[in-house]
Amino acid sequence: MKKDILTLLDLSKKDFDRLFQRALELKKRQGQGETDILLKGKTIGLVFDKPSTRTRTSFEAAMIQLGGTSIFISARDTQIARDEPVRDTARVLSRYLDGLVIRTYSQDFLNEFAEFTDIPVINALTDLCHPTQVLCDILTIIEYKGGYENLKIVWVGDGNNVAHSWIYAAAVLGLNLILACPEGYEPHPDIMKRALERKTGSIVVTSDPIEAVNAADVIYTDVWASMGQEDEHFKRKRVFQPFQVNETLVQKASQAVMVMHCLPAHRGEEISEDVLEGPNSVVWDQSENKMHMNKAILEALIAS
């Protein structure tokens, strides 16, 4: 039976931990010069509506290094752009491919693909969620902190798609998550409702970033205006200014705090240059780990 990753609620805690363990193993083996041809003869399609640097390249590199092949499919070049029903495209691609990685705007578009395919579908970002990003983020935390339990993880900024995936991860893994967001820019209430129904972990939303980061083990931020919100940039820049992750804010956290950003970063807006390039920043390891985590995901979903 096929398995999709449309949101992180599709995974159990056991699924999470297996992916973390396997990604670390594959990363170690690559560092030792070992080759793992686990997906020889397999092909995935990358159906992308939105631009991408890290997500696209990391999935393509992961597939190549595992011995498989990837096909990049710009959604605007498909017949979907000429009003072919999603279900028709989905059923045809199922005949050609072993898996689909989709990066798009609408979660409903992604869900319809998953409903009408017989192959695994992986959410590589929608306006609602970004599950593969948060999987690689937690992998990075494990590398630096030895685990994810009993840590204070603080999100600072917009209650966006990455924040939503952090909320779902907290619900499954029992994380201690605080989200500091300006009023009116909190996470979607339906996301919070679904997460809190799990009754695991602690998920708190506040509008006070200074109080939120007190003794934090991890501070995470993202751009203030996501793709598709460019027309709100100047308004958001004014509203979010008190939520900049800068040295003053970082000093309120624990001395060994990890500063994370999923990139691309707008230096001088959501994060200051000195913090992004400073000793507490782990953004480059975090970015690299997308490839190692994507290897583990692809192996788990399509190797058999």
Protein backbone atom coordinates (compact mmCIF):
# COMPACT_ATOMS: atom_id res chain seq x y z
CA MET A 1 0.00 0.00 0.00
CA LYS A 2 1.39 3.38 -0.99
CA LYS A 3 2.22 6.03 1.61
CA ASP A 4 2.14 9.79 1.03
CA ILE A 5 3.65 12.67 2.98
CA LEU A 6 1.13 15.46 2.49
CA THR A 7 1.46 16.84 6.01
CA LEU A 8 3.46 15.66 9.00
CA LEU A 9 0.29 14.23 10.51
CA ASP A 10 0.69 11.47 7.92
CA LEU A 11 3.65 10.19 9.96
CA SER A 12 3.74 8.43 13.30
CA LYS A 13 6.45 9.06 15.88
CA LYS A 14 7.99 5.76 14.80
CA ASP A 15 8.03 6.99 11.18
CA PHE A 16 9.78 10.19 12.23
CA ASP A 17 12.43 8.37 14.23
CA ARG A 18 13.11 5.85 11.45
CA LEU A 19 13.60 8.67 8.96
CA PHE A 20 15.96 10.51 11.31
CA GLN A 21 18.01 7.39 11.98
CA ARG A 22 18.22 6.46 8.31
CA ALA A 23 19.11 9.98 7.17
CA LEU A 24 21.96 10.09 9.69
CA GLU A 25 23.18 6.68 8.50
CA LEU A 26 23.10 7.74 4.85
CA LYS A 27 24.88 11.00 5.65
CA LYS A 28 27.60 9.15 7.55
CA ARG A 29 28.05 6.63 4.75
CA GLN A 30 28.37 9.36 2.16
CA GLY A 31 30.95 11.11 4.32
CA GLN A 32 32.94 7.86 4.38
CA GLY A 33 32.80 7.60 0.60
CA GLU A 34 30.23 4.78 0.58
CA THR A 35 27.73 4.53 -2.28
CA ASP A 36 24.15 3.37 -1.82
CA ILE A 37 22.44 2.45 -5.09
CA LEU A 38 19.07 1.86 -3.45
CA LEU A 39 16.79 3.31 -6.12
CA LYS A 40 18.33 1.93 -9.29
CA GLY A 41 15.68 1.78 -11.98
CA LYS A 42 13.33 4.11 -10.10
CA THR A 43 12.11 7.47 -11.43
CA ILE A 44 10.41 10.36 -9.64
CA GLY A 45 8.65 13.37 -11.12
CA LEU A 46 9.18 16.82 -9.65
CA VAL A 47 6.00 18.80 -10.42
CA PHE A 48 6.79 22.39 -9.43
CA ASP A 49 4.52 25.45 -9.56
CA LYS A 50 6.82 27.55 -7.37
CA PRO A 51 10.49 28.48 -7.77
CA SER A 52 13.02 26.48 -5.77
CA THR A 53 16.74 26.25 -5.15
CA ARG A 54 17.29 23.92 -2.20
CA THR A 55 14.19 21.72 -2.42
CA ARG A 56 14.54 20.95 -6.12
CA THR A 57 18.32 20.47 -6.08
CA SER A 58 18.30 18.38 -2.92
CA PHE A 59 15.65 16.00 -4.27
CA GLU A 60 17.41 15.68 -7.63
CA ALA A 61 20.81 15.11 -5.98
CA ALA A 62 19.30 12.62 -3.54
CA MET A 63 17.72 10.64 -6.35
CA ILE A 64 20.89 10.61 -8.47
CA GLN A 65 23.09 9.56 -5.55
CA LEU A 66 20.71 6.69 -4.78
CA GLY A 67 21.00 5.47 -8.36
CA GLY A 68 17.62 6.69 -9.60
CA THR A 69 16.39 9.33 -12.02
CA SER A 70 14.30 12.45 -11.61
CA ILE A 71 12.26 14.35 -14.19
CA PHE A 72 11.56 18.03 -13.56
CA ILE A 73 8.06 19.02 -14.67
CA SER A 74 7.16 22.72 -14.62
CA ALA A 75 3.44 22.79 -13.92
CA ARG A 76 2.92 25.67 -16.34
CA ASP A 77 4.25 23.45 -19.15
CA THR A 78 1.79 20.65 -18.48
CA GLN A 79 -1.70 20.21 -19.84
CA ILE A 80 -3.00 21.21 -16.39
CA ALA A 81 -2.15 24.76 -17.45
CA ARG A 82 -4.60 24.22 -20.34
CA ASP A 83 -7.37 23.02 -17.99
CA GLU A 84 -6.77 19.27 -18.07
CA PRO A 85 -8.26 17.92 -14.83
CA VAL A 86 -5.66 17.20 -12.16
CA ARG A 87 -7.03 13.67 -11.77
CA ASP A 88 -6.28 12.90 -15.44
CA THR A 89 -2.68 14.09 -15.23
CA ALA A 90 -2.24 12.26 -11.93
CA ARG A 91 -3.43 8.93 -13.31
CA VAL A 92 -1.21 9.20 -16.37
CA LEU A 93 1.90 10.12 -14.38
CA SER A 94 1.24 7.10 -12.15
CA ARG A 95 1.86 4.92 -15.22
CA TYR A 96 5.27 6.50 -15.88
CA LEU A 97 6.78 7.18 -12.47
CA ASP A 98 7.53 5.60 -9.09
CA GLY A 99 6.81 8.72 -7.06
CA LEU A 100 5.85 12.38 -7.27
CA VAL A 101 7.32 15.37 -5.47
CA ILE A 102 4.98 18.35 -5.75
CA ARG A 103 5.66 22.01 -4.92
CA THR A 104 2.60 24.16 -5.44
CA TYR A 105 0.27 26.74 -3.95
CA SER A 106 -2.88 24.83 -3.09
CA GLN A 107 -3.01 21.96 -0.62
CA ASP A 108 -6.19 20.82 -2.38
CA PHE A 109 -4.25 20.51 -5.66
CA LEU A 110 -1.69 18.31 -3.89
CA ASN A 111 -4.37 16.23 -2.17
CA GLU A 112 -6.16 15.59 -5.46
CA PHE A 113 -2.92 14.37 -7.02
CA ALA A 114 -2.48 11.98 -4.10
CA GLU A 115 -6.07 10.74 -4.34
CA PHE A 116 -5.77 9.79 -8.01
CA THR A 117 -2.26 8.32 -8.10
CA ASP A 118 -1.13 4.82 -7.26
CA ILE A 119 2.36 6.10 -6.38
CA PRO A 120 3.66 7.98 -3.33
CA VAL A 121 3.18 11.76 -3.33
CA ILE A 122 5.51 14.01 -1.32
CA ASN A 123 4.63 17.57 -0.38
CA ALA A 124 7.64 19.73 -1.28
CA LEU A 125 5.75 22.86 -0.16
CA THR A 126 2.25 24.23 -0.35
CA ASP A 127 0.84 27.45 1.07
CA LEU A 128 -0.39 25.35 4.00
CA CYS A 129 2.57 23.10 4.90
CA HIS A 130 6.22 22.32 4.21
CA PRO A 131 6.76 18.91 5.82
CA THR A 132 10.09 17.92 4.23
CA GLN A 133 11.63 21.18 5.45
CA VAL A 134 10.78 20.49 9.07
CA LEU A 135 11.98 16.89 8.82
CA CYS A 136 15.44 18.13 7.83
CA ASP A 137 15.27 20.83 10.52
CA ILE A 138 14.66 18.33 13.30
CA LEU A 139 17.41 16.12 11.86
CA THR A 140 19.77 19.09 12.30
CA ILE A 141 18.62 19.60 15.88
CA ILE A 142 19.33 15.93 16.60
CA GLU A 143 22.84 16.31 15.21
CA TYR A 144 23.60 19.32 17.42
CA LYS A 145 21.59 18.50 20.55
CA GLY A 146 21.61 14.69 20.53
CA GLY A 147 17.81 14.53 20.29
CA TYR A 148 14.66 16.64 20.17
CA GLU A 149 13.19 15.81 23.56
CA ASN A 150 13.06 18.38 26.38
CA LEU A 151 14.14 21.28 24.21
CA LYS A 152 12.54 24.71 24.05
CA ILE A 153 11.97 25.44 20.36
CA VAL A 154 10.86 28.97 19.49
CA TRP A 155 9.48 30.10 16.15
CA VAL A 156 9.77 33.88 15.62
CA GLY A 157 7.83 35.54 12.81
CA ASP A 158 4.95 34.72 10.49
CA GLY A 159 2.60 31.82 11.26
CA ASN A 160 3.22 30.44 7.77
CA ASN A 161 3.47 27.04 6.09
CA VAL A 162 6.77 26.12 7.77
CA ALA A 163 5.34 27.14 11.14
CA HIS A 164 2.32 24.92 10.43
CA SER A 165 4.59 21.93 9.83
CA TRP A 166 6.43 22.68 13.08
CA ILE A 167 3.06 22.63 14.85
CA TYR A 168 2.21 19.24 13.38
CA ALA A 169 5.66 17.90 14.27
CA ALA A 170 5.18 19.11 17.84
CA ALA A 171 1.82 17.34 17.97
CA VAL A 172 3.29 14.01 16.88
CA LEU A 173 6.62 14.15 18.70
CA GLY A 174 5.54 15.92 21.88
CA LEU A 175 7.77 18.95 21.37
CA ASN A 176 7.86 22.08 23.51
CA LEU A 177 7.06 24.66 20.81
CA ILE A 178 6.44 28.38 21.25
CA LEU A 179 5.43 30.55 18.31
CA ALA A 180 5.99 34.30 18.63
CA CYS A 181 3.91 35.98 15.92
CA PRO A 182 2.51 39.50 15.49
CA GLU A 183 -1.19 39.81 16.19
CA GLY A 184 -3.12 38.94 13.05
CA TYR A 185 -0.30 36.77 11.70
CA GLU A 186 -0.71 33.72 13.92
CA PRO A 187 -0.88 30.15 12.57
CA HIS A 188 -4.14 29.07 10.95
CA PRO A 189 -6.68 28.13 13.65
CA ASP A 190 -7.55 24.85 11.90
CA ILE A 191 -3.89 23.81 12.08
CA MET A 192 -3.78 24.61 15.78
CA LYS A 193 -7.05 22.77 16.40
CA ARG A 194 -5.87 19.58 14.68
CA ALA A 195 -2.55 19.67 16.52
CA LEU A 196 -3.99 20.35 19.95
CA GLU A 197 -6.46 17.49 19.53
CA ARG A 198 -3.44 15.18 19.75
CA LYS A 199 -2.88 16.32 23.36
CA THR A 200 0.87 15.76 23.07
CA GLY A 201 3.63 18.26 23.65
CA SER A 202 3.17 21.93 24.40
CA ILE A 203 2.22 24.37 21.62
CA VAL A 204 1.88 27.99 22.69
CA VAL A 205 1.32 31.13 20.59
CA THR A 206 2.39 34.54 21.89
CA SER A 207 2.94 38.03 20.52
CA ASP A 208 6.00 38.71 22.73
CA PRO A 209 9.21 37.52 21.05
CA ILE A 210 11.48 38.58 23.93
CA GLU A 211 9.55 36.54 26.48
CA ALA A 212 9.27 33.64 24.03
CA VAL A 213 13.02 33.21 23.46
CA ASN A 214 13.94 33.30 27.14
CA ALA A 215 16.21 30.25 27.72
CA ALA A 216 15.38 28.90 24.25
CA ASP A 217 17.43 26.00 22.88
CA VAL A 218 16.38 26.69 19.28
CA ILE A 219 15.31 29.93 17.58
CA TYR A 220 13.82 29.56 14.11
CA THR A 221 12.73 32.27 11.69
CA ASP A 222 11.63 32.63 8.08
CA VAL A 223 10.90 35.43 5.63
CA TRP A 224 8.15 37.85 6.59
CA ALA A 225 6.43 37.65 3.20
CA SER A 226 6.24 34.21 1.57
CA MET A 227 5.87 33.49 -2.14
CA GLY A 228 2.60 34.98 -3.32
CA GLN A 229 2.61 37.66 -0.58
CA GLU A 230 5.02 40.07 -2.26
CA ASP A 231 2.39 42.83 -2.46
CA GLU A 232 2.25 42.81 1.36
CA HIS A 233 6.02 43.23 1.76
CA PHE A 234 6.15 46.84 2.95
CA LYS A 235 3.24 46.44 5.37
CA ARG A 236 4.73 43.25 6.78
CA LYS A 237 8.17 44.83 7.10
CA ARG A 238 6.70 47.46 9.43
CA VAL A 239 4.57 45.02 11.44
CA PHE A 240 7.30 42.39 11.85
CA GLN A 241 10.23 44.68 12.73
CA PRO A 242 10.03 43.89 16.50
CA PHE A 243 10.32 40.19 15.57
CA GLN A 244 13.72 40.42 13.90
CA VAL A 245 16.12 37.72 15.10
CA ASN A 246 19.12 39.85 15.99
CA GLU A 247 21.90 39.73 18.56
CA THR A 248 19.76 41.44 21.20
CA LEU A 249 17.08 38.77 20.87
CA VAL A 250 19.56 35.88 20.70
CA GLN A 251 21.20 36.99 23.94
CA LYS A 252 17.91 36.29 25.74
CA ALA A 253 18.16 32.61 24.79
CA SER A 254 20.45 29.92 26.19
CA GLN A 255 24.16 30.35 25.48
CA ALA A 256 24.20 27.31 23.18
CA VAL A 257 21.05 28.29 21.29
CA MET A 258 20.77 27.10 17.69
CA VAL A 259 19.59 29.73 15.21
CA MET A 260 17.79 28.27 12.21
CA HIS A 261 16.39 29.65 8.96
CA CYS A 262 15.02 27.62 6.04
CA LEU A 263 16.42 30.11 3.48
CA PRO A 264 16.39 32.19 1.37
CA ALA A 265 17.06 34.85 4.01
CA HIS A 266 16.43 38.56 3.72
CA ARG A 267 19.40 39.80 5.72
CA GLY A 268 18.52 42.84 7.76
CA GLU A 269 14.81 41.97 7.80
CA GLU A 270 13.74 38.78 9.61
CA ILE A 271 17.34 38.04 10.64
CA SER A 272 20.40 40.25 11.05
CA GLU A 273 23.58 39.61 9.09
CA ASP A 274 25.68 39.05 12.22
CA VAL A 275 23.31 36.39 13.56
CA LEU A 276 22.91 34.58 10.22
CA GLU A 277 26.70 34.39 9.88
CA GLY A 278 27.37 34.05 13.60
CA PRO A 279 28.50 31.13 15.77
CA ASN A 280 24.98 30.08 16.76
CA SER A 281 23.74 29.79 13.19
CA VAL A 282 23.35 26.28 11.75
CA VAL A 283 21.65 27.28 8.50
CA TRP A 284 24.23 25.73 6.18
CA ASP A 285 24.14 22.33 7.89
CA GLN A 286 20.36 22.65 7.97
CA SER A 287 20.31 23.27 4.22
CA GLU A 288 22.66 20.35 3.48
CA ASN A 289 20.48 18.05 5.54
CA LYS A 290 17.61 18.49 3.08
CA MET A 291 19.47 16.15 0.72
CA HIS A 292 20.17 13.51 3.36
CA MET A 293 16.62 13.61 4.68
CA ASN A 294 15.21 13.45 1.15
CA LYS A 295 17.26 10.30 0.56
CA ALA A 296 15.69 8.69 3.59
CA ILE A 297 12.20 9.76 2.50
CA LEU A 298 12.63 8.49 -1.05
CA GLU A 299 14.05 5.18 0.12
CA ALA A 300 11.22 4.69 2.62
CA LEU A 301 8.49 5.44 0.09
CA ILE A 302 9.67 4.00 -3.21
CA ALA A 303 12.56 1.56 -2.68
CA SER A 304 10.38 -1.56 -2.46
